[in-house]
């Protein structure tokens, strides 16, 4: 069953999304995921650098 037929079965309240709108929503979701991943990697990199610096100072 296509998305259009599912939307029509629901009483016709929801309009089927155009391809451009779907792509924009997917790109926005991808951008949010990549931003969250970048923040996680930045914080993890900061912790790893701090630990390496402490090891160098102790040695």
PDB file of N, CA and C in Angstrom:
ATOM      1  N   UNK A   1       0.837  -1.187   0.000  1.00  0.00           N
ATOM      2  CA  UNK A   1       0.000   0.000   0.000  1.00  0.00           C
ATOM      3  C   UNK A   1       0.878   1.245   0.000  1.00  0.00           C
ATOM      4  N   UNK A   2       0.559   2.205  -0.843  1.00  0.00           N
ATOM      5  CA  UNK A   2       1.346   3.430  -0.891  1.00  0.00           C
ATOM      6  C   UNK A   2       0.920   4.383   0.213  1.00  0.00           C
ATOM      7  N   UNK A   3       1.756   5.387   0.477  1.00  0.00           N
ATOM      8  CA  UNK A   3       1.435   6.372   1.516  1.00  0.00           C
ATOM      9  C   UNK A   3       0.175   7.151   1.167  1.00  0.00           C
ATOM     10  N   UNK A   4      -0.022   7.404  -0.130  1.00  0.00           N
ATOM     11  CA  UNK A   4      -1.212   8.140  -0.535  1.00  0.00           C
ATOM     12  C   UNK A   4      -2.474   7.359  -0.193  1.00  0.00           C
ATOM     13  N   UNK A   5      -2.462   6.046  -0.454  1.00  0.00           N
ATOM     14  CA  UNK A   5      -3.658   5.257  -0.173  1.00  0.00           C
ATOM     15  C   UNK A   5      -3.889   5.136   1.320  1.00  0.00           C
ATOM     16  N   UNK A   6      -2.836   5.093   2.122  1.00  0.00           N
ATOM     17  CA  UNK A   6      -2.986   5.060   3.573  1.00  0.00           C
ATOM     18  C   UNK A   6      -3.589   6.363   4.063  1.00  0.00           C
ATOM     19  N   UNK A   7      -3.134   7.497   3.536  1.00  0.00           N
ATOM     20  CA  UNK A   7      -3.665   8.797   3.944  1.00  0.00           C
ATOM     21  C   UNK A   7      -5.132   8.925   3.553  1.00  0.00           C
ATOM     22  N   UNK A   8      -5.494   8.401   2.385  1.00  0.00           N
ATOM     23  CA  UNK A   8      -6.878   8.498   1.943  1.00  0.00           C
ATOM     24  C   UNK A   8      -7.787   7.619   2.788  1.00  0.00           C
ATOM     25  N   UNK A   9      -7.301   6.501   3.255  1.00  0.00           N
ATOM     26  CA  UNK A   9      -8.115   5.618   4.079  1.00  0.00           C
ATOM     27  C   UNK A   9      -8.378   6.217   5.446  1.00  0.00           C
ATOM     28  N   UNK A  10      -7.534   7.113   5.903  1.00  0.00           N
ATOM     29  CA  UNK A  10      -7.698   7.727   7.212  1.00  0.00           C
ATOM     30  C   UNK A  10      -8.741   8.829   7.209  1.00  0.00           C
ATOM     31  N   UNK A  11      -9.592   8.901   6.221  1.00  0.00           N
ATOM     32  CA  UNK A  11     -10.625   9.901   6.177  1.00  0.00           C
ATOM     33  C   UNK A  11     -10.253  11.087   5.305  1.00  0.00           C
ATOM     34  N   UNK A  12      -9.078  11.064   4.704  1.00  0.00           N
ATOM     35  CA  UNK A  12      -8.670  12.145   3.827  1.00  0.00           C
ATOM     36  C   UNK A  12      -8.220  13.393   4.565  1.00  0.00           C
ATOM     37  N   UNK A  13      -8.040  13.320   5.877  1.00  0.00           N
ATOM     38  CA  UNK A  13      -7.640  14.486   6.656  1.00  0.00           C
ATOM     39  C   UNK A  13      -6.193  14.860   6.354  1.00  0.00           C
ATOM     40  N   UNK A  14      -5.302  13.877   6.332  1.00  0.00           N
ATOM     41  CA  UNK A  14      -3.882  14.135   6.095  1.00  0.00           C
ATOM     42  C   UNK A  14      -3.630  14.214   4.592  1.00  0.00           C
ATOM     43  N   UNK A  15      -2.992  15.286   4.172  1.00  0.00           N
ATOM     44  CA  UNK A  15      -2.632  15.434   2.772  1.00  0.00           C
ATOM     45  C   UNK A  15      -1.345  14.674   2.511  1.00  0.00           C
ATOM     46  N   UNK A  16      -1.247  13.979   1.388  1.00  0.00           N
ATOM     47  CA  UNK A  16       0.025  13.315   1.081  1.00  0.00           C
ATOM     48  C   UNK A  16       1.116  14.357   0.868  1.00  0.00           C
ATOM     49  N   UNK A  17       2.296  14.052   1.368  1.00  0.00           N
ATOM     50  CA  UNK A  17       3.417  14.983   1.260  1.00  0.00           C
ATOM     51  C   UNK A  17       4.048  14.879  -0.117  1.00  0.00           C
ATOM     52  N   UNK A  18       4.504  16.009  -0.604  1.00  0.00           N
ATOM     53  CA  UNK A  18       5.234  16.013  -1.857  1.00  0.00           C
ATOM     54  C   UNK A  18       6.656  15.521  -1.628  1.00  0.00           C
ATOM     55  N   UNK A  19       7.292  15.133  -2.688  1.00  0.00           N
ATOM     56  CA  UNK A  19       8.654  14.614  -2.606  1.00  0.00           C
ATOM     57  C   UNK A  19       9.607  15.650  -2.028  1.00  0.00           C
ATOM     58  N   UNK A  20       9.457  16.911  -2.428  1.00  0.00           N
ATOM     59  CA  UNK A  20      10.335  17.963  -1.920  1.00  0.00           C
ATOM     60  C   UNK A  20      10.169  18.130  -0.415  1.00  0.00           C
ATOM     61  N   UNK A  21       8.935  18.114   0.063  1.00  0.00           N
ATOM     62  CA  UNK A  21       8.696  18.258   1.503  1.00  0.00           C
ATOM     63  C   UNK A  21       9.279  17.069   2.262  1.00  0.00           C
ATOM     64  N   UNK A  22       9.130  15.868   1.727  1.00  0.00           N
ATOM     65  CA  UNK A  22       9.710  14.686   2.369  1.00  0.00           C
ATOM     66  C   UNK A  22      11.226  14.805   2.447  1.00  0.00           C
ATOM     67  N   UNK A  23      11.845  15.250   1.355  1.00  0.00           N
ATOM     68  CA  UNK A  23      13.298  15.401   1.331  1.00  0.00           C
ATOM     69  C   UNK A  23      13.752  16.458   2.325  1.00  0.00           C
ATOM     70  N   UNK A  24      13.015  17.574   2.422  1.00  0.00           N
ATOM     71  CA  UNK A  24      13.374  18.624   3.380  1.00  0.00           C
ATOM     72  C   UNK A  24      13.287  18.108   4.817  1.00  0.00           C
ATOM     73  N   UNK A  25      12.255  17.327   5.116  1.00  0.00           N
ATOM     74  CA  UNK A  25      12.113  16.775   6.462  1.00  0.00           C
ATOM     75  C   UNK A  25      13.222  15.772   6.765  1.00  0.00           C
ATOM     76  N   UNK A  26      13.560  14.944   5.785  1.00  0.00           N
ATOM     77  CA  UNK A  26      14.648  13.986   5.980  1.00  0.00           C
ATOM     78  C   UNK A  26      15.987  14.698   6.176  1.00  0.00           C
ATOM     79  N   UNK A  27      16.229  15.751   5.386  1.00  0.00           N
ATOM     80  CA  UNK A  27      17.479  16.503   5.527  1.00  0.00           C
ATOM     81  C   UNK A  27      17.546  17.204   6.884  1.00  0.00           C
ATOM     82  N   UNK A  28      16.422  17.725   7.362  1.00  0.00           N
ATOM     83  CA  UNK A  28      16.395  18.372   8.674  1.00  0.00           C
ATOM     84  C   UNK A  28      16.679  17.357   9.772  1.00  0.00           C
ATOM     85  N   UNK A  29      16.090  16.169   9.660  1.00  0.00           N
ATOM     86  CA  UNK A  29      16.337  15.122  10.653  1.00  0.00           C
ATOM     87  C   UNK A  29      17.794  14.666  10.606  1.00  0.00           C
ATOM     88  N   UNK A  30      18.338  14.516   9.405  1.00  0.00           N
ATOM     89  CA  UNK A  30      19.739  14.123   9.255  1.00  0.00           C
ATOM     90  C   UNK A  30      20.660  15.180   9.846  1.00  0.00           C
ATOM     91  N   UNK A  31      20.362  16.448   9.591  1.00  0.00           N
ATOM     92  CA  UNK A  31      21.168  17.540  10.117  1.00  0.00           C
ATOM     93  C   UNK A  31      21.155  17.523  11.646  1.00  0.00           C
ATOM     94  N   UNK A  32      19.988  17.291  12.241  1.00  0.00           N
ATOM     95  CA  UNK A  32      19.889  17.232  13.703  1.00  0.00           C
ATOM     96  C   UNK A  32      20.687  16.057  14.253  1.00  0.00           C
ATOM     97  N   UNK A  33      20.607  14.913  13.583  1.00  0.00           N
ATOM     98  CA  UNK A  33      21.366  13.738  14.020  1.00  0.00           C
ATOM     99  C   UNK A  33      22.877  13.989  13.922  1.00  0.00           C
ATOM    100  N   UNK A  34      23.305  14.609  12.827  1.00  0.00           N
ATOM    101  CA  UNK A  34      24.728  14.889  12.655  1.00  0.00           C
ATOM    102  C   UNK A  34      25.226  15.920  13.669  1.00  0.00           C
ATOM    103  N   UNK A  35      24.386  16.892  13.994  1.00  0.00           N
ATOM    104  CA  UNK A  35      24.764  17.877  15.005  1.00  0.00           C
ATOM    105  C   UNK A  35      24.925  17.222  16.367  1.00  0.00           C
ATOM    106  N   UNK A  36      24.012  16.315  16.708  1.00  0.00           N
ATOM    107  CA  UNK A  36      24.105  15.597  17.980  1.00  0.00           C
ATOM    108  C   UNK A  36      25.347  14.708  18.004  1.00  0.00           C
ATOM    109  N   UNK A  37      25.628  14.034  16.896  1.00  0.00           N
ATOM    110  CA  UNK A  37      26.826  13.194  16.814  1.00  0.00           C
ATOM    111  C   UNK A  37      28.087  14.032  16.945  1.00  0.00           C
ATOM    112  N   UNK A  38      28.105  15.194  16.297  1.00  0.00           N
ATOM    113  CA  UNK A  38      29.258  16.082  16.388  1.00  0.00           C
ATOM    114  C   UNK A  38      29.482  16.528  17.834  1.00  0.00           C
ATOM    115  N   UNK A  39      28.409  16.872  18.524  1.00  0.00           N
ATOM    116  CA  UNK A  39      28.534  17.289  19.924  1.00  0.00           C
ATOM    117  C   UNK A  39      29.063  16.139  20.786  1.00  0.00           C
ATOM    118  N   UNK A  40      28.572  14.928  20.538  1.00  0.00           N
ATOM    119  CA  UNK A  40      29.058  13.764  21.288  1.00  0.00           C
ATOM    120  C   UNK A  40      30.536  13.526  21.027  1.00  0.00           C
ATOM    121  N   UNK A  41      30.934  13.616  19.758  1.00  0.00           N
ATOM    122  CA  UNK A  41      32.342  13.387  19.420  1.00  0.00           C
ATOM    123  C   UNK A  41      33.240  14.482  19.988  1.00  0.00           C
ATOM    124  N   UNK A  42      32.760  15.725  19.964  1.00  0.00           N
ATOM    125  CA  UNK A  42      33.550  16.824  20.522  1.00  0.00           C
ATOM    126  C   UNK A  42      33.764  16.616  22.010  1.00  0.00           C
ATOM    127  N   UNK A  43      32.711  16.230  22.737  1.00  0.00           N
ATOM    128  CA  UNK A  43      32.848  16.041  24.183  1.00  0.00           C
ATOM    129  C   UNK A  43      33.712  14.817  24.483  1.00  0.00           C
ATOM    130  N   UNK A  44      33.572  13.756  23.703  1.00  0.00           N
ATOM    131  CA  UNK A  44      34.393  12.563  23.915  1.00  0.00           C
ATOM    132  C   UNK A  44      35.854  12.855  23.575  1.00  0.00           C
ATOM    133  N   UNK A  45      36.083  13.648  22.535  1.00  0.00           N
ATOM    134  CA  UNK A  45      37.454  14.014  22.166  1.00  0.00           C
ATOM    135  C   UNK A  45      38.097  14.861  23.239  1.00  0.00           C
ATOM    136  N   UNK A  46      37.330  15.733  23.859  1.00  0.00           N
ATOM    137  CA  UNK A  46      37.859  16.558  24.937  1.00  0.00           C
ATOM    138  C   UNK A  46      38.255  15.724  26.133  1.00  0.00           C
ATOM    139  N   UNK A  47      37.466  14.707  26.440  1.00  0.00           N
ATOM    140  CA  UNK A  47      37.774  13.819  27.558  1.00  0.00           C
ATOM    141  C   UNK A  47      39.020  13.005  27.248  1.00  0.00           C
ATOM    142  N   UNK A  48      39.139  12.503  26.031  1.00  0.00           N
ATOM    143  CA  UNK A  48      40.307  11.699  25.650  1.00  0.00           C
ATOM    144  C   UNK A  48      41.574  12.548  25.676  1.00  0.00           C
ATOM    145  N   UNK A  49      41.498  13.784  25.184  1.00  0.00           N
ATOM    146  CA  UNK A  49      42.678  14.656  25.202  1.00  0.00           C
ATOM    147  C   UNK A  49      43.092  14.985  26.630  1.00  0.00           C
ATOM    148  N   UNK A  50      42.105  15.220  27.496  1.00  0.00           N
ATOM    149  CA  UNK A  50      42.393  15.538  28.900  1.00  0.00           C
ATOM    150  C   UNK A  50      43.065  14.353  29.570  1.00  0.00           C
ATOM    151  N   UNK A  51      42.571  13.134  29.319  1.00  0.00           N
ATOM    152  CA  UNK A  51      43.169  11.929  29.909  1.00  0.00           C
ATOM    153  C   UNK A  51      44.588  11.725  29.389  1.00  0.00           C
ATOM    154  N   UNK A  52      44.828  11.960  28.103  1.00  0.00           N
ATOM    155  CA  UNK A  52      46.162  11.796  27.529  1.00  0.00           C
ATOM    156  C   UNK A  52      47.120  12.826  28.121  1.00  0.00           C
ATOM    157  N   UNK A  53      46.653  14.040  28.342  1.00  0.00           N
ATOM    158  CA  UNK A  53      47.488  15.079  28.921  1.00  0.00           C
ATOM    159  C   UNK A  53      47.874  14.693  30.360  1.00  0.00           C
ATOM    160  N   UNK A  54      46.920  14.153  31.118  1.00  0.00           N
ATOM    161  CA  UNK A  54      47.227  13.743  32.486  1.00  0.00           C
ATOM    162  C   UNK A  54      48.234  12.593  32.500  1.00  0.00           C
ATOM    163  N   UNK A  55      48.119  11.655  31.554  1.00  0.00           N
ATOM    164  CA  UNK A  55      49.076  10.551  31.471  1.00  0.00           C
ATOM    165  C   UNK A  55      50.481  11.073  31.156  1.00  0.00           C
ATOM    166  N   UNK A  56      50.587  12.042  30.270  1.00  0.00           N
ATOM    167  CA  UNK A  56      51.881  12.608  29.901  1.00  0.00           C
ATOM    168  C   UNK A  56      52.499  13.365  31.081  1.00  0.00           C
ATOM    169  N   UNK A  57      51.696  14.063  31.844  1.00  0.00           N
ATOM    170  CA  UNK A  57      52.200  14.800  32.978  1.00  0.00           C
ATOM    171  C   UNK A  57      52.655  13.873  34.104  1.00  0.00           C
ATOM    172  N   UNK A  58      51.965  12.738  34.258  1.00  0.00           N
ATOM    173  CA  UNK A  58      52.302  11.811  35.327  1.00  0.00           C
ATOM    174  C   UNK A  58      53.575  11.023  34.981  1.00  0.00           C
ATOM    175  N   UNK A  59      53.847  10.845  33.712  1.00  0.00           N
ATOM    176  CA  UNK A  59      54.955  10.005  33.255  1.00  0.00           C
ATOM    177  C   UNK A  59      56.209  10.720  33.127  1.00  0.00           C
TER     178      UNK A  59
END
